[in-house]
Amino acid sequence: MKIAFYGSSLLSAYWNGAATYYRGMLRALSARGYDITFYEPDVYDRQKNRDIDPPDWCRVVVYEGTIEALKAVAEEARHADIVIKASGVGFEDNLLLTEVLRHAPEHALRIFWDVDAPATLAELRADPGHPLRQALDTLDLVLTYGGGDPVIRAYRELGAVDCVPIYNALDPQTHHPVAPDQRFAGDLGFLGNRLPDREARVDEFFLIPAIRNPYQKFLLGGSGWGDKVMATNVNYIGHVGTADHNAFNVTPKAVLNISRSNMAETGFSPATRVFEAAGAGACLITDYWEGIPQFFAPDLEILVARDGHDVSDILDSLTTERAREIGAAALRRVLAEHTYDHRAEEADRVFRSARRRQVEAAE
């Protein structure tokens, strides 16, 4: 089956947190026989900061950030069996949704794939006339990369025919154990761009513990933190390219996951970095969110901190040997249950089920 997928970017992870998810999912779906074309706009300097070449498992069409170019690529939906519009494309999202659905053939599955359900649902609740909210009952399916039962219920209450989470996962070809790199040496590393809805939590879970643990070395990677006041034991290294993520994850004694506030409140929303770290065999400390045991066993495969004091306490007692044991256990778990091959199998099953419903409704 042919998929026309309209998303933010497959070729660039620059200010594009969905890149890892798209790459892992689409590569695994391609391996299952899907013929995929990914359409991405040339915006936010992403094309100047590509970190992969166009892959052989997916055709990529980059279009100019103009209305004319958007309408031209939206017309290509007419050739597809599955038409997918993702959230957060970054250029005229509402118009793109309207145009893509207008050109999707009658036989095609029409899917909205939400890579930031808490933010999207907040928009829909605030605006009854939102184009996506108006279109929900015309879609065959809403997929999300997180959220669990609260998100499923919310989408159904707003009119979606069905909503199914297809969670983040690991692409073992991209994220895997590597040798440590002394550029990333430290006791605790955190990798994340500076975002308004995450900054206060970074203060709480990372920067304040750095003050409380002055004899330990903290490593901060990501864009936008240059003018942030930090303790002298925090080494800020700026943007870390995807090619260095494995080394960043595996070199410090432990790495930290800090969810955006709305993701933490929603729960069942493991970020891609959770699986990236596990895939590298890293010892991961995560902030608390509901649903963690569905993915990793606390204290055995992951360490959980409810606040900055917990982070400090964990670091005080964490030995190198225990950190390695936790990282090894997390790697075993993620390879056994949480790869994109597992997710693609689930997505394939969901597509086929939606197709059956579509055929039955037409009879």
Foldseek 3Di string as FASTA:
>chain_A
DEEEEEAQDCFFCVVPQCNVVVVQQQLLLLVVPYAYEYEAECDPCRVVHGPDDDDPSYHYHYFYLDPVRLLVSLLVLLVGQEYEYEPPNPHPSLVSLVSNVVNHDPNHAYEYEYAPQLVVLVVCVVDVPRSCLVCQQVHLEYEYQWQPPVSQVSSVVSHHPGYYYLHAAADLVQFAADDADVVQEWAEEEEDADDPQFVVQCCKAPQVLCVVCVVTAYEYEEADCPPPDGDPRYHYDYHDDSNCLLNNLARHLAYEAGDRPSDQASARHDRNSLNSSLRNLFAYEYEDHPPVVVQPDDPQQHDYDPTNVSNNVCSVPDDSVSRNRNSVRSNVRRVVAGGSNNSNVVVVVVVVVSSVVSVVVVD
